[in-house]
Amino acid sequence: VQLQASGGGLVEAGGSLRLSCAASVRTFRSYTMAWFRQAPGKAREFVAGISWSGIETYYTNSVKGRFTISRDSAKNTVYLQMNSLKPEDTADYYCAARVSSTVTTTGDVYNYWGQGTQVTVSS
């Protein structure tokens, strides 16, 4: 399984970005997908996750109401729509996948990781 993340960039506070993660896998529907982020000098943290069915989604408290995770099984792609961005959202964002029907926030149980895409929010 290979994951290719894209969509990061530099944006002003209050702006929006949409991250994409394309998965090269035949059975995309078997995978729970998630986004994590890591800011400089900080630990990696869970941002959002979506179950294999797309029915269950979960967000860390700091992004609830601002970020939306979704998936398109026809394109083997998961998205993270980020609105009302804040400087504290600045980080490298990583997509991750695991064979599971439910979302988990623990990064260590995800089997596959994409390369990071950098998001910088200026104040």
PDB file of N, CA and C in Angstrom:
ATOM      1  N   VAL A   1       0.852  -1.187   0.000  1.00  0.00           N
ATOM      2  CA  VAL A   1       0.000   0.000   0.000  1.00  0.00           C
ATOM      3  C   VAL A   1       0.887   1.235   0.000  1.00  0.00           C
ATOM      4  N   GLN A   2       0.617   2.106  -0.931  1.00  0.00           N
ATOM      5  CA  GLN A   2       1.331   3.386  -0.971  1.00  0.00           C
ATOM      6  C   GLN A   2       0.322   4.513  -0.849  1.00  0.00           C
ATOM      7  N   LEU A   3       0.673   5.490  -0.030  1.00  0.00           N
ATOM      8  CA  LEU A   3      -0.184   6.650   0.187  1.00  0.00           C
ATOM      9  C   LEU A   3       0.549   7.895  -0.274  1.00  0.00           C
ATOM     10  N   GLN A   4      -0.124   8.696  -1.076  1.00  0.00           N
ATOM     11  CA  GLN A   4       0.469   9.918  -1.614  1.00  0.00           C
ATOM     12  C   GLN A   4      -0.355  11.103  -1.168  1.00  0.00           C
ATOM     13  N   ALA A   5       0.206  11.899  -0.261  1.00  0.00           N
ATOM     14  CA  ALA A   5      -0.500  13.067   0.255  1.00  0.00           C
ATOM     15  C   ALA A   5      -0.116  14.312  -0.539  1.00  0.00           C
ATOM     16  N   SER A   6      -1.066  15.207  -0.674  1.00  0.00           N
ATOM     17  CA  SER A   6      -0.821  16.459  -1.384  1.00  0.00           C
ATOM     18  C   SER A   6      -1.808  17.513  -0.893  1.00  0.00           C
ATOM     19  N   GLY A   7      -1.558  18.759  -1.308  1.00  0.00           N
ATOM     20  CA  GLY A   7      -2.499  19.818  -1.018  1.00  0.00           C
ATOM     21  C   GLY A   7      -2.051  20.818   0.029  1.00  0.00           C
ATOM     22  N   GLY A   8      -0.918  20.580   0.655  1.00  0.00           N
ATOM     23  CA  GLY A   8      -0.435  21.525   1.647  1.00  0.00           C
ATOM     24  C   GLY A   8       0.021  22.818   1.016  1.00  0.00           C
ATOM     25  N   GLY A   9       0.308  23.795   1.861  1.00  0.00           N
ATOM     26  CA  GLY A   9       0.767  25.077   1.350  1.00  0.00           C
ATOM     27  C   GLY A   9       0.752  26.135   2.425  1.00  0.00           C
ATOM     28  N   LEU A  10       0.932  27.364   1.986  1.00  0.00           N
ATOM     29  CA  LEU A  10       0.938  28.527   2.873  1.00  0.00           C
ATOM     30  C   LEU A  10      -0.385  29.270   2.719  1.00  0.00           C
ATOM     31  N   VAL A  11      -1.036  29.541   3.834  1.00  0.00           N
ATOM     32  CA  VAL A  11      -2.321  30.220   3.807  1.00  0.00           C
ATOM     33  C   VAL A  11      -2.400  31.165   4.994  1.00  0.00           C
ATOM     34  N   GLU A  12      -3.156  32.229   4.841  1.00  0.00           N
ATOM     35  CA  GLU A  12      -3.356  33.166   5.938  1.00  0.00           C
ATOM     36  C   GLU A  12      -4.379  32.607   6.925  1.00  0.00           C
ATOM     37  N   ALA A  13      -4.291  33.060   8.148  1.00  0.00           N
ATOM     38  CA  ALA A  13      -5.267  32.660   9.156  1.00  0.00           C
ATOM     39  C   ALA A  13      -6.677  32.975   8.660  1.00  0.00           C
ATOM     40  N   GLY A  14      -7.574  32.025   8.883  1.00  0.00           N
ATOM     41  CA  GLY A  14      -8.936  32.168   8.400  1.00  0.00           C
ATOM     42  C   GLY A  14      -9.171  31.550   7.042  1.00  0.00           C
ATOM     43  N   GLY A  15      -8.099  31.183   6.379  1.00  0.00           N
ATOM     44  CA  GLY A  15      -8.205  30.595   5.047  1.00  0.00           C
ATOM     45  C   GLY A  15      -8.499  29.114   5.076  1.00  0.00           C
ATOM     46  N   SER A  16      -8.499  28.511   3.885  1.00  0.00           N
ATOM     47  CA  SER A  16      -8.844  27.098   3.737  1.00  0.00           C
ATOM     48  C   SER A  16      -7.826  26.380   2.866  1.00  0.00           C
ATOM     49  N   LEU A  17      -7.707  25.099   3.118  1.00  0.00           N
ATOM     50  CA  LEU A  17      -6.915  24.198   2.278  1.00  0.00           C
ATOM     51  C   LEU A  17      -7.635  22.852   2.241  1.00  0.00           C
ATOM     52  N   ARG A  18      -7.419  22.106   1.176  1.00  0.00           N
ATOM     53  CA  ARG A  18      -7.925  20.740   1.101  1.00  0.00           C
ATOM     54  C   ARG A  18      -6.765  19.795   0.827  1.00  0.00           C
ATOM     55  N   LEU A  19      -6.542  18.901   1.765  1.00  0.00           N
ATOM     56  CA  LEU A  19      -5.512  17.884   1.594  1.00  0.00           C
ATOM     57  C   LEU A  19      -6.126  16.652   0.940  1.00  0.00           C
ATOM     58  N   SER A  20      -5.335  15.991   0.126  1.00  0.00           N
ATOM     59  CA  SER A  20      -5.756  14.750  -0.516  1.00  0.00           C
ATOM     60  C   SER A  20      -4.741  13.661  -0.219  1.00  0.00           C
ATOM     61  N   CYS A  21      -5.217  12.442  -0.149  1.00  0.00           N
ATOM     62  CA  CYS A  21      -4.329  11.290   0.046  1.00  0.00           C
ATOM     63  C   CYS A  21      -4.817  10.179  -0.873  1.00  0.00           C
ATOM     64  N   ALA A  22      -4.039   9.902  -1.886  1.00  0.00           N
ATOM     65  CA  ALA A  22      -4.389   8.860  -2.847  1.00  0.00           C
ATOM     66  C   ALA A  22      -3.723   7.554  -2.440  1.00  0.00           C
ATOM     67  N   ALA A  23      -4.514   6.495  -2.407  1.00  0.00           N
ATOM     68  CA  ALA A  23      -4.014   5.188  -1.979  1.00  0.00           C
ATOM     69  C   ALA A  23      -3.904   4.243  -3.170  1.00  0.00           C
ATOM     70  N   SER A  24      -2.743   3.645  -3.303  1.00  0.00           N
ATOM     71  CA  SER A  24      -2.568   2.636  -4.344  1.00  0.00           C
ATOM     72  C   SER A  24      -2.828   1.279  -3.722  1.00  0.00           C
ATOM     73  N   VAL A  25      -4.084   0.902  -3.729  1.00  0.00           N
ATOM     74  CA  VAL A  25      -4.495  -0.352  -3.097  1.00  0.00           C
ATOM     75  C   VAL A  25      -5.743  -0.841  -3.798  1.00  0.00           C
ATOM     76  N   ARG A  26      -5.883  -2.145  -3.926  1.00  0.00           N
ATOM     77  CA  ARG A  26      -7.036  -2.701  -4.635  1.00  0.00           C
ATOM     78  C   ARG A  26      -8.287  -2.736  -3.776  1.00  0.00           C
ATOM     79  N   THR A  27      -8.102  -2.816  -2.464  1.00  0.00           N
ATOM     80  CA  THR A  27      -9.250  -2.965  -1.566  1.00  0.00           C
ATOM     81  C   THR A  27      -9.353  -1.763  -0.640  1.00  0.00           C
ATOM     82  N   PHE A  28      -9.464  -0.589  -1.213  1.00  0.00           N
ATOM     83  CA  PHE A  28      -9.501   0.660  -0.431  1.00  0.00           C
ATOM     84  C   PHE A  28     -10.615   0.626   0.596  1.00  0.00           C
ATOM     85  N   ARG A  29     -11.708  -0.027   0.255  1.00  0.00           N
ATOM     86  CA  ARG A  29     -12.855  -0.035   1.164  1.00  0.00           C
ATOM     87  C   ARG A  29     -12.577  -0.830   2.442  1.00  0.00           C
ATOM     88  N   SER A  30     -11.485  -1.574   2.486  1.00  0.00           N
ATOM     89  CA  SER A  30     -11.153  -2.349   3.692  1.00  0.00           C
ATOM     90  C   SER A  30     -10.378  -1.533   4.713  1.00  0.00           C
ATOM     91  N   TYR A  31     -10.018  -0.314   4.336  1.00  0.00           N
ATOM     92  CA  TYR A  31      -9.101   0.463   5.158  1.00  0.00           C
ATOM     93  C   TYR A  31      -9.795   1.623   5.871  1.00  0.00           C
ATOM     94  N   THR A  32      -9.539   1.717   7.151  1.00  0.00           N
ATOM     95  CA  THR A  32      -9.827   2.943   7.871  1.00  0.00           C
ATOM     96  C   THR A  32      -8.703   3.923   7.562  1.00  0.00           C
ATOM     97  N   MET A  33      -9.053   5.167   7.320  1.00  0.00           N
ATOM     98  CA  MET A  33      -8.076   6.187   6.953  1.00  0.00           C
ATOM     99  C   MET A  33      -8.058   7.293   7.999  1.00  0.00           C
ATOM    100  N   ALA A  34      -6.909   7.922   8.142  1.00  0.00           N
ATOM    101  CA  ALA A  34      -6.790   8.982   9.145  1.00  0.00           C
ATOM    102  C   ALA A  34      -5.756   9.996   8.713  1.00  0.00           C
ATOM    103  N   TRP A  35      -5.864  11.162   9.310  1.00  0.00           N
ATOM    104  CA  TRP A  35      -4.865  12.218   9.171  1.00  0.00           C
ATOM    105  C   TRP A  35      -4.258  12.482  10.540  1.00  0.00           C
ATOM    106  N   PHE A  36      -2.938  12.592  10.554  1.00  0.00           N
ATOM    107  CA  PHE A  36      -2.197  12.993  11.728  1.00  0.00           C
ATOM    108  C   PHE A  36      -1.385  14.230  11.360  1.00  0.00           C
ATOM    109  N   ARG A  37      -0.898  14.918  12.366  1.00  0.00           N
ATOM    110  CA  ARG A  37      -0.028  16.047  12.094  1.00  0.00           C
ATOM    111  C   ARG A  37       1.062  16.125  13.144  1.00  0.00           C
ATOM    112  N   GLN A  38       2.148  16.749  12.755  1.00  0.00           N
ATOM    113  CA  GLN A  38       3.262  16.938  13.676  1.00  0.00           C
ATOM    114  C   GLN A  38       3.860  18.315  13.443  1.00  0.00           C
ATOM    115  N   ALA A  39       3.776  19.133  14.483  1.00  0.00           N
ATOM    116  CA  ALA A  39       4.367  20.461  14.436  1.00  0.00           C
ATOM    117  C   ALA A  39       5.822  20.378  14.917  1.00  0.00           C
ATOM    118  N   PRO A  40       6.641  21.327  14.534  1.00  0.00           N
ATOM    119  CA  PRO A  40       8.047  21.301  14.949  1.00  0.00           C
ATOM    120  C   PRO A  40       8.182  21.249  16.473  1.00  0.00           C
ATOM    121  N   GLY A  41       8.948  20.295  16.940  1.00  0.00           N
ATOM    122  CA  GLY A  41       9.189  20.176  18.372  1.00  0.00           C
ATOM    123  C   GLY A  41       8.060  19.566  19.168  1.00  0.00           C
ATOM    124  N   LYS A  42       7.028  19.100  18.466  1.00  0.00           N
ATOM    125  CA  LYS A  42       5.879  18.527  19.166  1.00  0.00           C
ATOM    126  C   LYS A  42       5.663  17.081  18.729  1.00  0.00           C
ATOM    127  N   ALA A  43       4.909  16.381  19.531  1.00  0.00           N
ATOM    128  CA  ALA A  43       4.601  14.995  19.209  1.00  0.00           C
ATOM    129  C   ALA A  43       3.550  14.916  18.107  1.00  0.00           C
ATOM    130  N   ARG A  44       3.542  13.817  17.399  1.00  0.00           N
ATOM    131  CA  ARG A  44       2.510  13.581  16.398  1.00  0.00           C
ATOM    132  C   ARG A  44       1.145  13.479  17.077  1.00  0.00           C
ATOM    133  N   GLU A  45       0.141  14.059  16.452  1.00  0.00           N
ATOM    134  CA  GLU A  45      -1.201  13.984  17.027  1.00  0.00           C
ATOM    135  C   GLU A  45      -2.229  13.603  15.968  1.00  0.00           C
ATOM    136  N   PHE A  46      -3.219  12.881  16.408  1.00  0.00           N
ATOM    137  CA  PHE A  46      -4.344  12.510  15.570  1.00  0.00           C
ATOM    138  C   PHE A  46      -5.165  13.745  15.248  1.00  0.00           C
ATOM    139  N   VAL A  47      -5.593  13.868  13.993  1.00  0.00           N
ATOM    140  CA  VAL A  47      -6.419  14.996  13.584  1.00  0.00           C
ATOM    141  C   VAL A  47      -7.844  14.542  13.265  1.00  0.00           C
ATOM    142  N   ALA A  48      -7.963  13.557  12.376  1.00  0.00           N
ATOM    143  CA  ALA A  48      -9.287  13.099  11.949  1.00  0.00           C
ATOM    144  C   ALA A  48      -9.171  11.697  11.377  1.00  0.00           C
ATOM    145  N   GLY A  49     -10.266  10.960  11.472  1.00  0.00           N
ATOM    146  CA  GLY A  49     -10.287   9.614  10.930  1.00  0.00           C
ATOM    147  C   GLY A  49     -11.645   9.291  10.348  1.00  0.00           C
ATOM    148  N   ILE A  50     -11.669   8.346   9.413  1.00  0.00           N
ATOM    149  CA  ILE A  50     -12.916   7.937   8.772  1.00  0.00           C
ATOM    150  C   ILE A  50     -12.885   6.424   8.586  1.00  0.00           C
ATOM    151  N   SER A  51     -13.997   5.801   8.919  1.00  0.00           N
ATOM    152  CA  SER A  51     -14.069   4.344   8.844  1.00  0.00           C
ATOM    153  C   SER A  51     -14.112   3.876   7.394  1.00  0.00           C
ATOM    154  N   TRP A  52     -13.964   2.574   7.214  1.00  0.00           N
ATOM    155  CA  TRP A  52     -13.950   2.015   5.870  1.00  0.00           C
ATOM    156  C   TRP A  52     -15.242   2.322   5.131  1.00  0.00           C
ATOM    157  N   SER A  53     -16.348   2.388   5.843  1.00  0.00           N
ATOM    158  CA  SER A  53     -17.648   2.639   5.219  1.00  0.00           C
ATOM    159  C   SER A  53     -17.893   4.112   4.973  1.00  0.00           C
ATOM    160  N   GLY A  54     -17.132   4.962   5.635  1.00  0.00           N
ATOM    161  CA  GLY A  54     -17.370   6.393   5.536  1.00  0.00           C
ATOM    162  C   GLY A  54     -18.426   6.906   6.498  1.00  0.00           C
ATOM    163  N   ILE A  55     -19.054   5.993   7.220  1.00  0.00           N
ATOM    164  CA  ILE A  55     -20.139   6.389   8.128  1.00  0.00           C
ATOM    165  C   ILE A  55     -19.597   6.997   9.420  1.00  0.00           C
ATOM    166  N   GLU A  56     -18.537   6.432   9.924  1.00  0.00           N
ATOM    167  CA  GLU A  56     -17.974   6.902  11.197  1.00  0.00           C
ATOM    168  C   GLU A  56     -16.820   7.861  10.930  1.00  0.00           C
ATOM    169  N   THR A  57     -16.922   9.025  11.539  1.00  0.00           N
ATOM    170  CA  THR A  57     -15.807   9.976  11.492  1.00  0.00           C
ATOM    171  C   THR A  57     -15.503  10.426  12.907  1.00  0.00           C
ATOM    172  N   TYR A  58     -14.266  10.828  13.103  1.00  0.00           N
ATOM    173  CA  TYR A  58     -13.841  11.246  14.436  1.00  0.00           C
ATOM    174  C   TYR A  58     -12.801  12.345  14.278  1.00  0.00           C
ATOM    175  N   TYR A  59     -12.895  13.357  15.150  1.00  0.00           N
ATOM    176  CA  TYR A  59     -12.003  14.502  15.075  1.00  0.00           C
ATOM    177  C   TYR A  59     -11.414  14.809  16.436  1.00  0.00           C
ATOM    178  N   THR A  60     -10.211  15.297  16.441  1.00  0.00           N
ATOM    179  CA  THR A  60      -9.688  15.826  17.675  1.00  0.00           C
ATOM    180  C   THR A  60     -10.430  17.119  18.005  1.00  0.00           C
ATOM    181  N   ASN A  61     -10.532  17.440  19.268  1.00  0.00           N
ATOM    182  CA  ASN A  61     -11.380  18.561  19.680  1.00  0.00           C
ATOM    183  C   ASN A  61     -10.988  19.883  19.023  1.00  0.00           C
ATOM    184  N   SER A  62      -9.714  20.090  18.833  1.00  0.00           N
ATOM    185  CA  SER A  62      -9.255  21.392  18.353  1.00  0.00           C
ATOM    186  C   SER A  62      -9.655  21.687  16.903  1.00  0.00           C
ATOM    187  N   VAL A  63     -10.085  20.669  16.155  1.00  0.00           N
ATOM    188  CA  VAL A  63     -10.453  20.907  14.754  1.00  0.00           C
ATOM    189  C   VAL A  63     -11.947  20.685  14.494  1.00  0.00           C
ATOM    190  N   LYS A  64     -12.679  20.263  15.479  1.00  0.00           N
ATOM    191  CA  LYS A  64     -14.111  20.023  15.294  1.00  0.00           C
ATOM    192  C   LYS A  64     -14.808  21.292  14.843  1.00  0.00           C
ATOM    193  N   GLY A  65     -15.642  21.133  13.822  1.00  0.00           N
ATOM    194  CA  GLY A  65     -16.365  22.272  13.282  1.00  0.00           C
ATOM    195  C   GLY A  65     -15.590  23.053  12.227  1.00  0.00           C
ATOM    196  N   ARG A  66     -14.307  22.763  12.100  1.00  0.00           N
ATOM    197  CA  ARG A  66     -13.478  23.457  11.103  1.00  0.00           C
ATOM    198  C   ARG A  66     -12.964  22.516  10.028  1.00  0.00           C
ATOM    199  N   PHE A  67     -12.662  21.291  10.389  1.00  0.00           N
ATOM    200  CA  PHE A  67     -12.110  20.307   9.451  1.00  0.00           C
ATOM    201  C   PHE A  67     -13.166  19.254   9.143  1.00  0.00           C
ATOM    202  N   THR A  68     -13.119  18.737   7.916  1.00  0.00           N
ATOM    203  CA  THR A  68     -14.015  17.660   7.508  1.00  0.00           C
ATOM    204  C   THR A  68     -13.222  16.605   6.744  1.00  0.00           C
ATOM    205  N   ILE A  69     -13.328  15.371   7.200  1.00  0.00           N
ATOM    206  CA  ILE A  69     -12.680  14.269   6.501  1.00  0.00           C
ATOM    207  C   ILE A  69     -13.718  13.545   5.667  1.00  0.00           C
ATOM    208  N   SER A  70     -13.316  13.117   4.483  1.00  0.00           N
ATOM    209  CA  SER A  70     -14.226  12.386   3.602  1.00  0.00           C
ATOM    210  C   SER A  70     -13.393  11.431   2.754  1.00  0.00           C
ATOM    211  N   ARG A  71     -14.089  10.512   2.101  1.00  0.00           N
ATOM    212  CA  ARG A  71     -13.377   9.571   1.245  1.00  0.00           C
ATOM    213  C   ARG A  71     -14.183   9.313  -0.016  1.00  0.00           C
ATOM    214  N   ASP A  72     -13.474   9.059  -1.090  1.00  0.00           N
ATOM    215  CA  ASP A  72     -14.083   8.740  -2.378  1.00  0.00           C
ATOM    216  C   ASP A  72     -13.524   7.382  -2.795  1.00  0.00           C
ATOM    217  N   SER A  73     -14.320   6.354  -2.633  1.00  0.00           N
ATOM    218  CA  SER A  73     -13.836   5.002  -2.918  1.00  0.00           C
ATOM    219  C   SER A  73     -13.595   4.780  -4.407  1.00  0.00           C
ATOM    220  N   ALA A  74     -14.283   5.522  -5.248  1.00  0.00           N
ATOM    221  CA  ALA A  74     -14.073   5.387  -6.686  1.00  0.00           C
ATOM    222  C   ALA A  74     -12.689   5.889  -7.087  1.00  0.00           C
ATOM    223  N   LYS A  75     -12.166   6.822  -6.301  1.00  0.00           N
ATOM    224  CA  LYS A  75     -10.852   7.396  -6.595  1.00  0.00           C
ATOM    225  C   LYS A  75      -9.777   6.932  -5.616  1.00  0.00           C
ATOM    226  N   ASN A  76     -10.141   6.049  -4.696  1.00  0.00           N
ATOM    227  CA  ASN A  76      -9.183   5.589  -3.679  1.00  0.00           C
ATOM    228  C   ASN A  76      -8.498   6.758  -2.986  1.00  0.00           C
ATOM    229  N   THR A  77      -9.277   7.740  -2.619  1.00  0.00           N
ATOM    230  CA  THR A  77      -8.712   8.973  -2.077  1.00  0.00           C
ATOM    231  C   THR A  77      -9.474   9.403  -0.828  1.00  0.00           C
ATOM    232  N   VAL A  78      -8.742   9.893   0.132  1.00  0.00           N
ATOM    233  CA  VAL A  78      -9.336  10.497   1.325  1.00  0.00           C
ATOM    234  C   VAL A  78      -8.940  11.970   1.335  1.00  0.00           C
ATOM    235  N   TYR A  79      -9.857  12.791   1.808  1.00  0.00           N
ATOM    236  CA  TYR A  79      -9.661  14.239   1.804  1.00  0.00           C
ATOM    237  C   TYR A  79      -9.746  14.787   3.223  1.00  0.00           C
ATOM    238  N   LEU A  80      -9.087  15.912   3.425  1.00  0.00           N
ATOM    239  CA  LEU A  80      -9.252  16.669   4.661  1.00  0.00           C
ATOM    240  C   LEU A  80      -9.480  18.120   4.267  1.00  0.00           C
ATOM    241  N   GLN A  81     -10.716  18.556   4.368  1.00  0.00           N
ATOM    242  CA  GLN A  81     -11.057  19.947   4.108  1.00  0.00           C
ATOM    243  C   GLN A  81     -10.818  20.734   5.382  1.00  0.00           C
ATOM    244  N   MET A  82      -9.965  21.722   5.297  1.00  0.00           N
ATOM    245  CA  MET A  82      -9.596  22.503   6.473  1.00  0.00           C
ATOM    246  C   MET A  82     -10.033  23.949   6.257  1.00  0.00           C
ATOM    247  N   ASN A  83     -10.962  24.397   7.066  1.00  0.00           N
ATOM    248  CA  ASN A  83     -11.473  25.762   7.000  1.00  0.00           C
ATOM    249  C   ASN A  83     -11.108  26.517   8.267  1.00  0.00           C
ATOM    250  N   SER A  84     -11.216  27.824   8.213  1.00  0.00           N
ATOM    251  CA  SER A  84     -10.934  28.678   9.374  1.00  0.00           C
ATOM    252  C   SER A  84      -9.593  28.309  10.007  1.00  0.00           C
ATOM    253  N   LEU A  85      -8.596  28.195   9.186  1.00  0.00           N
ATOM    254  CA  LEU A  85      -7.296  27.761   9.666  1.00  0.00           C
ATOM    255  C   LEU A  85      -6.693  28.759  10.632  1.00  0.00           C
ATOM    256  N   LYS A  86      -5.970  28.227  11.601  1.00  0.00           N
ATOM    257  CA  LYS A  86      -5.321  29.023  12.633  1.00  0.00           C
ATOM    258  C   LYS A  86      -3.812  28.768  12.592  1.00  0.00           C
ATOM    259  N   PRO A  87      -3.029  29.705  13.077  1.00  0.00           N
ATOM    260  CA  PRO A  87      -1.574  29.483  13.104  1.00  0.00           C
ATOM    261  C   PRO A  87      -1.186  28.193  13.818  1.00  0.00           C
ATOM    262  N   GLU A  88      -1.954  27.816  14.826  1.00  0.00           N
ATOM    263  CA  GLU A  88      -1.634  26.595  15.562  1.00  0.00           C
ATOM    264  C   GLU A  88      -1.922  25.331  14.765  1.00  0.00           C
ATOM    265  N   ASP A  89      -2.514  25.445  13.588  1.00  0.00           N
ATOM    266  CA  ASP A  89      -2.692  24.296  12.710  1.00  0.00           C
ATOM    267  C   ASP A  89      -1.439  24.033  11.873  1.00  0.00           C
ATOM    268  N   THR A  90      -0.469  24.901  11.959  1.00  0.00           N
ATOM    269  CA  THR A  90       0.766  24.727  11.208  1.00  0.00           C
ATOM    270  C   THR A  90       1.470  23.445  11.615  1.00  0.00           C
ATOM    271  N   ALA A  91       1.754  22.584  10.640  1.00  0.00           N
ATOM    272  CA  ALA A  91       2.365  21.279  10.909  1.00  0.00           C
ATOM    273  C   ALA A  91       2.574  20.557   9.590  1.00  0.00           C
ATOM    274  N   ASP A  92       3.293  19.456   9.680  1.00  0.00           N
ATOM    275  CA  ASP A  92       3.323  18.487   8.587  1.00  0.00           C
ATOM    276  C   ASP A  92       2.159  17.534   8.802  1.00  0.00           C
ATOM    277  N   TYR A  93       1.370  17.335   7.768  1.00  0.00           N
ATOM    278  CA  TYR A  93       0.194  16.474   7.860  1.00  0.00           C
ATOM    279  C   TYR A  93       0.467  15.161   7.132  1.00  0.00           C
ATOM    280  N   TYR A  94       0.091  14.059   7.789  1.00  0.00           N
ATOM    281  CA  TYR A  94       0.343  12.720   7.254  1.00  0.00           C
ATOM    282  C   TYR A  94      -0.963  11.952   7.167  1.00  0.00           C
ATOM    283  N   CYS A  95      -1.161  11.233   6.073  1.00  0.00           N
ATOM    284  CA  CYS A  95      -2.288  10.321   6.021  1.00  0.00           C
ATOM    285  C   CYS A  95      -1.806   8.924   6.399  1.00  0.00           C
ATOM    286  N   ALA A  96      -2.720   8.152   6.942  1.00  0.00           N
ATOM    287  CA  ALA A  96      -2.390   6.824   7.417  1.00  0.00           C
ATOM    288  C   ALA A  96      -3.548   5.883   7.143  1.00  0.00           C
ATOM    289  N   ALA A  97      -3.234   4.591   7.043  1.00  0.00           N
ATOM    290  CA  ALA A  97      -4.262   3.595   6.742  1.00  0.00           C
ATOM    291  C   ALA A  97      -4.044   2.338   7.571  1.00  0.00           C
ATOM    292  N   ARG A  98      -5.156   1.710   7.897  1.00  0.00           N
ATOM    293  CA  ARG A  98      -5.074   0.415   8.561  1.00  0.00           C
ATOM    294  C   ARG A  98      -6.277  -0.415   8.153  1.00  0.00           C
ATOM    295  N   VAL A  99      -6.094  -1.719   8.131  1.00  0.00           N
ATOM    296  CA  VAL A  99      -7.198  -2.609   7.790  1.00  0.00           C
ATOM    297  C   VAL A  99      -8.061  -2.756   9.029  1.00  0.00           C
ATOM    298  N   SER A 100      -9.188  -2.063   9.008  1.00  0.00           N
ATOM    299  CA  SER A 100     -10.068  -2.070  10.161  1.00  0.00           C
ATOM    300  C   SER A 100     -11.403  -1.474   9.749  1.00  0.00           C
ATOM    301  N   SER A 101     -12.427  -1.776  10.528  1.00  0.00           N
ATOM    302  CA  SER A 101     -13.742  -1.202  10.258  1.00  0.00           C
ATOM    303  C   SER A 101     -14.031   0.028  11.104  1.00  0.00           C
ATOM    304  N   THR A 102     -13.151   0.306  12.067  1.00  0.00           N
ATOM    305  CA  THR A 102     -13.411   1.415  12.976  1.00  0.00           C
ATOM    306  C   THR A 102     -12.213   2.346  13.062  1.00  0.00           C
ATOM    307  N   VAL A 103     -12.487   3.549  13.514  1.00  0.00           N
ATOM    308  CA  VAL A 103     -11.449   4.563  13.636  1.00  0.00           C
ATOM    309  C   VAL A 103     -10.745   4.416  14.982  1.00  0.00           C
ATOM    310  N   THR A 104      -9.441   4.572  14.971  1.00  0.00           N
ATOM    311  CA  THR A 104      -8.687   4.661  16.206  1.00  0.00           C
ATOM    312  C   THR A 104      -7.775   5.876  16.125  1.00  0.00           C
ATOM    313  N   THR A 105      -7.516   6.480  17.266  1.00  0.00           N
ATOM    314  CA  THR A 105      -6.693   7.681  17.283  1.00  0.00           C
ATOM    315  C   THR A 105      -5.225   7.392  17.552  1.00  0.00           C
ATOM    316  N   THR A 106      -4.897   6.130  17.788  1.00  0.00           N
ATOM    317  CA  THR A 106      -3.527   5.758  18.119  1.00  0.00           C
ATOM    318  C   THR A 106      -2.719   5.518  16.866  1.00  0.00           C
ATOM    319  N   GLY A 107      -1.712   6.331  16.658  1.00  0.00           N
ATOM    320  CA  GLY A 107      -0.938   6.246  15.432  1.00  0.00           C
ATOM    321  C   GLY A 107      -0.189   4.945  15.261  1.00  0.00           C
ATOM    322  N   ASP A 108       0.240   4.340  16.361  1.00  0.00           N
ATOM    323  CA  ASP A 108       1.080   3.140  16.267  1.00  0.00           C
ATOM    324  C   ASP A 108       0.377   1.963  15.618  1.00  0.00           C
ATOM    325  N   VAL A 109      -0.948   1.952  15.585  1.00  0.00           N
ATOM    326  CA  VAL A 109      -1.658   0.807  15.019  1.00  0.00           C
ATOM    327  C   VAL A 109      -1.926   0.963  13.534  1.00  0.00           C
ATOM    328  N   TYR A 110      -1.570   2.115  12.973  1.00  0.00           N
ATOM    329  CA  TYR A 110      -1.741   2.283  11.534  1.00  0.00           C
ATOM    330  C   TYR A 110      -0.548   1.650  10.826  1.00  0.00           C
ATOM    331  N   ASN A 111      -0.840   0.878   9.799  1.00  0.00           N
ATOM    332  CA  ASN A 111       0.189   0.092   9.132  1.00  0.00           C
ATOM    333  C   ASN A 111       0.901   0.850   8.022  1.00  0.00           C
ATOM    334  N   TYR A 112       0.201   1.799   7.440  1.00  0.00           N
ATOM    335  CA  TYR A 112       0.739   2.461   6.259  1.00  0.00           C
ATOM    336  C   TYR A 112       0.651   3.976   6.425  1.00  0.00           C
ATOM    337  N   TRP A 113       1.704   4.632   5.975  1.00  0.00           N
ATOM    338  CA  TRP A 113       1.800   6.085   6.126  1.00  0.00           C
ATOM    339  C   TRP A 113       2.252   6.702   4.810  1.00  0.00           C
ATOM    340  N   GLY A 114       1.692   7.869   4.527  1.00  0.00           N
ATOM    341  CA  GLY A 114       2.155   8.633   3.386  1.00  0.00           C
ATOM    342  C   GLY A 114       3.258   9.581   3.820  1.00  0.00           C
ATOM    343  N   GLN A 115       3.857  10.241   2.847  1.00  0.00           N
ATOM    344  CA  GLN A 115       4.835  11.270   3.180  1.00  0.00           C
ATOM    345  C   GLN A 115       4.061  12.493   3.662  1.00  0.00           C
ATOM    346  N   GLY A 116       4.670  13.335   4.386  1.00  0.00           N
ATOM    347  CA  GLY A 116       3.984  14.504   4.925  1.00  0.00           C
ATOM    348  C   GLY A 116       3.761  15.578   3.872  1.00  0.00           C
ATOM    349  N   THR A 117       2.735  16.355   4.095  1.00  0.00           N
ATOM    350  CA  THR A 117       2.514  17.557   3.289  1.00  0.00           C
ATOM    351  C   THR A 117       2.443  18.725   4.266  1.00  0.00           C
ATOM    352  N   GLN A 118       3.202  19.756   3.966  1.00  0.00           N
ATOM    353  CA  GLN A 118       3.370  20.839   4.928  1.00  0.00           C
ATOM    354  C   GLN A 118       2.252  21.866   4.821  1.00  0.00           C
ATOM    355  N   VAL A 119       1.713  22.220   5.964  1.00  0.00           N
ATOM    356  CA  VAL A 119       0.698  23.269   6.052  1.00  0.00           C
ATOM    357  C   VAL A 119       1.243  24.370   6.947  1.00  0.00           C
ATOM    358  N   THR A 120       1.272  25.578   6.419  1.00  0.00           N
ATOM    359  CA  THR A 120       1.737  26.724   7.179  1.00  0.00           C
ATOM    360  C   THR A 120       0.659  27.781   7.173  1.00  0.00           C
ATOM    361  N   VAL A 121       0.240  28.196   8.358  1.00  0.00           N
ATOM    362  CA  VAL A 121      -0.802  29.207   8.495  1.00  0.00           C
ATOM    363  C   VAL A 121      -0.179  30.442   9.113  1.00  0.00           C
ATOM    364  N   SER A 122      -0.210  31.530   8.381  1.00  0.00           N
ATOM    365  CA  SER A 122       0.383  32.773   8.861  1.00  0.00           C
ATOM    366  C   SER A 122      -0.658  33.604   9.597  1.00  0.00           C
ATOM    367  N   SER A 123      -0.193  34.337  10.578  1.00  0.00           N
ATOM    368  CA  SER A 123      -1.115  35.166  11.385  1.00  0.00           C
ATOM    369  C   SER A 123      -1.281  36.552  10.792  1.00  0.00           C
TER     370      SER A 123
END
